[in-house]
Protein backbone atom coordinates (compact mmCIF):
# COMPACT_ATOMS: atom_id res chain seq x y z
CA UNK A 1 48.12 24.16 2.50
CA UNK A 2 44.94 22.43 3.92
CA UNK A 3 43.94 19.68 1.89
CA UNK A 4 40.38 19.44 0.63
CA UNK A 5 37.94 17.36 2.49
CA UNK A 6 37.18 14.02 0.56
CA UNK A 7 33.60 14.05 -0.18
CA UNK A 8 31.73 11.76 2.22
CA UNK A 9 30.30 8.66 -0.10
CA UNK A 10 26.82 7.80 0.66
CA UNK A 11 26.25 4.79 2.69
CA UNK A 12 24.30 1.88 -0.04
CA UNK A 13 23.17 -1.43 1.55
CA UNK A 14 24.58 -4.62 -0.05
CA UNK A 15 22.29 -7.06 -1.19
CA UNK A 16 22.68 -9.44 1.73
CA UNK A 17 21.62 -6.84 4.16
CA UNK A 18 19.19 -6.22 2.12
CA UNK A 19 18.00 -9.75 1.90
CA UNK A 20 18.35 -9.92 5.66
CA UNK A 21 16.13 -6.79 6.20
CA UNK A 22 13.61 -8.35 3.67
CA UNK A 23 13.84 -11.68 5.69
CA UNK A 24 13.25 -10.06 8.65
CA UNK A 25 10.15 -8.46 8.00
CA UNK A 26 8.87 -11.35 6.02
CA UNK A 27 9.23 -13.47 9.21
CA UNK A 28 7.79 -10.69 11.82
CA UNK A 29 4.34 -10.62 9.30
CA UNK A 30 4.40 -14.83 9.30
CA UNK A 31 4.74 -14.41 13.14
CA UNK A 32 1.95 -11.97 13.42
CA UNK A 33 -0.32 -13.31 10.77
CA UNK A 34 0.22 -16.79 12.74
CA UNK A 35 -0.48 -16.03 16.52
CA UNK A 36 -1.08 -11.99 16.39
CA UNK A 37 1.23 -9.02 17.26
CA UNK A 38 1.56 -9.64 20.97
CA UNK A 39 3.53 -12.96 20.06
CA UNK A 40 6.26 -11.08 18.15
CA UNK A 41 8.96 -12.04 20.68
CA UNK A 42 12.57 -10.99 18.84
CA UNK A 43 13.31 -15.09 19.47
CA UNK A 44 10.50 -15.89 17.28
CA UNK A 45 11.13 -13.45 14.60
CA UNK A 46 14.54 -14.68 14.89
CA UNK A 47 13.72 -18.19 14.08
CA UNK A 48 10.99 -17.38 11.53
CA UNK A 49 13.85 -15.22 9.61
CA UNK A 50 16.63 -17.85 10.45
CA UNK A 51 18.73 -15.51 11.59
CA UNK A 52 20.58 -14.69 15.39
CA UNK A 53 19.63 -11.95 17.70
CA UNK A 54 23.02 -10.29 17.20
CA UNK A 55 21.82 -10.23 13.57
CA UNK A 56 18.05 -9.04 14.68
CA UNK A 57 20.13 -6.27 16.93
CA UNK A 58 22.00 -4.57 14.08
CA UNK A 59 18.80 -3.85 12.30
CA UNK A 60 16.31 -2.75 15.16
CA UNK A 61 16.60 -2.16 18.54
CA UNK A 62 13.55 -3.17 20.16
CA UNK A 63 10.01 -5.16 19.27
CA UNK A 64 8.52 -1.14 18.38
CA UNK A 65 10.96 -0.39 16.58
CA UNK A 66 10.47 -3.26 14.03
CA UNK A 67 6.84 -3.01 14.31
CA UNK A 68 6.94 0.50 12.69
CA UNK A 69 9.19 -0.44 10.07
CA UNK A 70 6.98 -3.48 9.04
CA UNK A 71 4.28 -0.76 8.87
CA UNK A 72 6.64 1.70 6.70
CA UNK A 73 7.38 -1.42 4.35
CA UNK A 74 3.76 -2.54 3.70
CA UNK A 75 2.74 0.71 3.17
CA UNK A 76 5.62 1.94 0.73
CA UNK A 77 5.32 -1.62 -1.33
CA UNK A 78 1.98 -0.66 -2.06
CA UNK A 79 2.56 2.78 -3.41
CA UNK A 80 5.53 1.41 -5.13
CA UNK A 81 3.84 -0.88 -6.81
CA UNK A 82 1.06 0.85 -7.87
CA UNK A 83 3.35 3.71 -9.34
CA UNK A 84 5.62 1.30 -10.88
CA UNK A 85 2.04 -0.25 -12.65
CA UNK A 86 0.66 3.09 -13.85
CA UNK A 87 3.61 5.36 -14.74
CA UNK A 88 4.23 3.95 -18.39
CA UNK A 89 0.76 4.87 -18.96
CA UNK A 90 0.33 8.71 -20.25
CA UNK A 91 -2.77 8.39 -21.85
CA UNK A 92 -5.29 8.81 -19.16
CA UNK A 93 -8.35 6.41 -19.74
CA UNK A 94 -5.31 3.70 -19.93
CA UNK A 95 -3.45 4.79 -16.36
CA UNK A 96 -7.29 5.05 -14.56
CA UNK A 97 -7.98 1.67 -15.72
CA UNK A 98 -4.44 0.26 -15.02
CA UNK A 99 -4.74 2.24 -11.77
CA UNK A 100 -8.19 0.21 -11.00
CA UNK A 101 -6.66 -3.03 -11.93
CA UNK A 102 -4.15 -2.75 -9.30
CA UNK A 103 -6.31 -2.20 -6.48
CA UNK A 104 -8.34 -5.00 -7.40
CA UNK A 105 -5.33 -7.03 -7.58
CA UNK A 106 -4.14 -5.83 -4.29
CA UNK A 107 -7.68 -6.82 -2.56
CA UNK A 108 -7.64 -10.37 -3.98
CA UNK A 109 -4.37 -11.21 -2.91
CA UNK A 110 -4.07 -8.66 0.41
CA UNK A 111 -3.65 -10.68 4.09
CA UNK A 112 -5.45 -7.71 5.91
CA UNK A 113 -8.69 -9.66 6.82
CA UNK A 114 -6.35 -12.58 8.61
CA UNK A 115 -4.61 -9.52 10.01
CA UNK A 116 -7.35 -8.31 11.13
CA UNK A 117 -8.62 -11.30 12.40
CA UNK A 118 -5.40 -12.00 14.81
CA UNK A 119 -4.28 -8.57 15.11
CA UNK A 120 -7.05 -5.63 15.18
CA UNK A 121 -5.36 -3.26 16.76
CA UNK A 122 -2.46 -3.38 15.22
CA UNK A 123 -4.17 -3.74 11.33
CA UNK A 124 -6.43 -0.70 12.19
CA UNK A 125 -3.39 1.15 13.39
CA UNK A 126 -2.12 0.11 10.22
CA UNK A 127 -5.30 1.19 8.04
CA UNK A 128 -5.13 4.40 9.45
CA UNK A 129 -1.43 5.41 8.33
CA UNK A 130 -2.12 3.93 5.12
CA UNK A 131 -5.03 5.92 4.43
CA UNK A 132 -3.66 9.68 5.09
CA UNK A 133 -0.85 8.40 2.90
CA UNK A 134 -3.31 7.00 0.05
CA UNK A 135 -5.03 10.32 -0.25
CA UNK A 136 -2.03 12.04 -1.34
CA UNK A 137 -0.08 9.34 -3.19
CA UNK A 138 -3.21 8.60 -5.16
CA UNK A 139 -3.37 12.38 -5.96
CA UNK A 140 0.31 12.23 -7.48
CA UNK A 141 -0.37 8.41 -9.28
CA UNK A 142 -3.89 10.45 -11.38
CA UNK A 143 -2.85 13.61 -11.91
CA UNK A 144 -2.72 13.28 -15.61
CA UNK A 145 -6.39 11.76 -15.04
CA UNK A 146 -7.90 14.51 -13.03
CA UNK A 147 -6.44 17.03 -15.57
CA UNK A 148 -8.09 15.25 -18.50
CA UNK A 149 -11.15 14.72 -16.50
CA UNK A 150 -11.57 18.51 -15.87
CA UNK A 151 -10.31 19.35 -19.14
CA UNK A 152 -13.58 17.33 -20.23
CA UNK A 153 -15.95 18.65 -17.95
CA UNK A 154 -14.73 22.37 -17.85
CA UNK A 155 -14.98 22.06 -14.11
CA UNK A 156 -12.80 21.73 -11.31
CA UNK A 157 -12.67 18.59 -8.91
CA UNK A 158 -12.07 18.05 -5.47
CA UNK A 159 -9.24 15.78 -6.63
CA UNK A 160 -8.14 15.37 -2.54
CA UNK A 161 -12.09 14.15 -1.72
CA UNK A 162 -12.25 11.80 -4.72
CA UNK A 163 -9.04 10.07 -3.74
CA UNK A 164 -10.58 9.84 0.26
CA UNK A 165 -13.22 7.64 -0.97
CA UNK A 166 -11.23 5.71 -3.55
CA UNK A 167 -8.98 4.53 -0.21
CA UNK A 168 -12.17 4.16 1.71
CA UNK A 169 -13.72 2.07 -0.48
CA UNK A 170 -10.62 -0.24 -0.42
CA UNK A 171 -10.32 -0.21 3.32
CA UNK A 172 -14.10 -1.21 3.28
CA UNK A 173 -13.35 -3.91 2.04
CA UNK A 174 -11.26 -5.68 4.35
CA UNK A 175 -13.88 -5.21 6.52
CA UNK A 176 -16.92 -5.90 4.85
CA UNK A 177 -16.28 -7.93 1.29
CA UNK A 178 -18.92 -7.22 -1.43
CA UNK A 179 -18.96 -11.01 -2.67
CA UNK A 180 -16.84 -13.28 -4.20
CA UNK A 181 -17.49 -11.58 -8.03
CA UNK A 182 -14.02 -10.18 -8.32
CA UNK A 183 -15.60 -8.75 -11.50
CA UNK A 184 -17.48 -6.56 -9.72
CA UNK A 185 -14.80 -4.53 -7.66
CA UNK A 186 -13.28 -2.63 -10.76
CA UNK A 187 -16.92 -2.30 -12.09
CA UNK A 188 -17.68 -0.56 -8.59
CA UNK A 189 -14.82 1.48 -8.85
CA UNK A 190 -15.15 2.89 -12.08
CA UNK A 191 -19.25 3.59 -11.41
CA UNK A 192 -18.39 5.30 -8.28
CA UNK A 193 -15.99 7.62 -9.92
CA UNK A 194 -18.33 8.02 -13.09
CA UNK A 195 -20.89 9.08 -10.66
CA UNK A 196 -18.61 11.30 -8.95
CA UNK A 197 -17.24 12.91 -11.89
CA UNK A 198 -19.91 13.45 -14.11
CA UNK A 199 -23.40 12.20 -12.88
CA UNK A 200 -23.33 9.80 -15.71
CA UNK A 201 -23.97 5.99 -14.65
CA UNK A 202 -22.13 2.98 -16.02
CA UNK A 203 -23.92 0.57 -17.10
CA UNK A 204 -25.45 -2.11 -14.97
CA UNK A 205 -22.94 -4.92 -14.74
CA UNK A 206 -23.57 -8.10 -16.52
CA UNK A 207 -24.00 -11.54 -15.64
């Protein structure tokens, strides 16, 4: 009788492996921000990450593969943070408020403007991939918000277009910041959405 094959156990990264991978990606990002994408030599990344070349090649086969992984890592980190920040809020208005606050916090702490200055081609490529992904992800996060708005308005909203305008606004802040007043960003986003969904204007921002 032939014995049944043993089930294949899924491979899981050890905490040490995850820490090493995180160190490589952080090192690569620091090298890019300091010197630009053309200076992302594997030797420089290894030095920044505190690892050997042999360790690096256990994770990545080339510079191109590393940069692709860095783009995915940054994109997924943003969306993971957005999902974690909003998932506990089942009230549509509260979820939208938290969603806007998360976008504002991202704009305040992101290093995207510095990335544009030192590695514009790489940054624009990242923004393009981020844009298409965000249009889909935003619709998932805001599903209960859109459901509530459509019920209140008794009308169907173009969810994809609204999410596209939201992410375009965020990306435009990288290229041309609206100013130093951090209170203005959440207000502008809410005003934009109020105008799109009901035509009602949010009261003017008070000093």
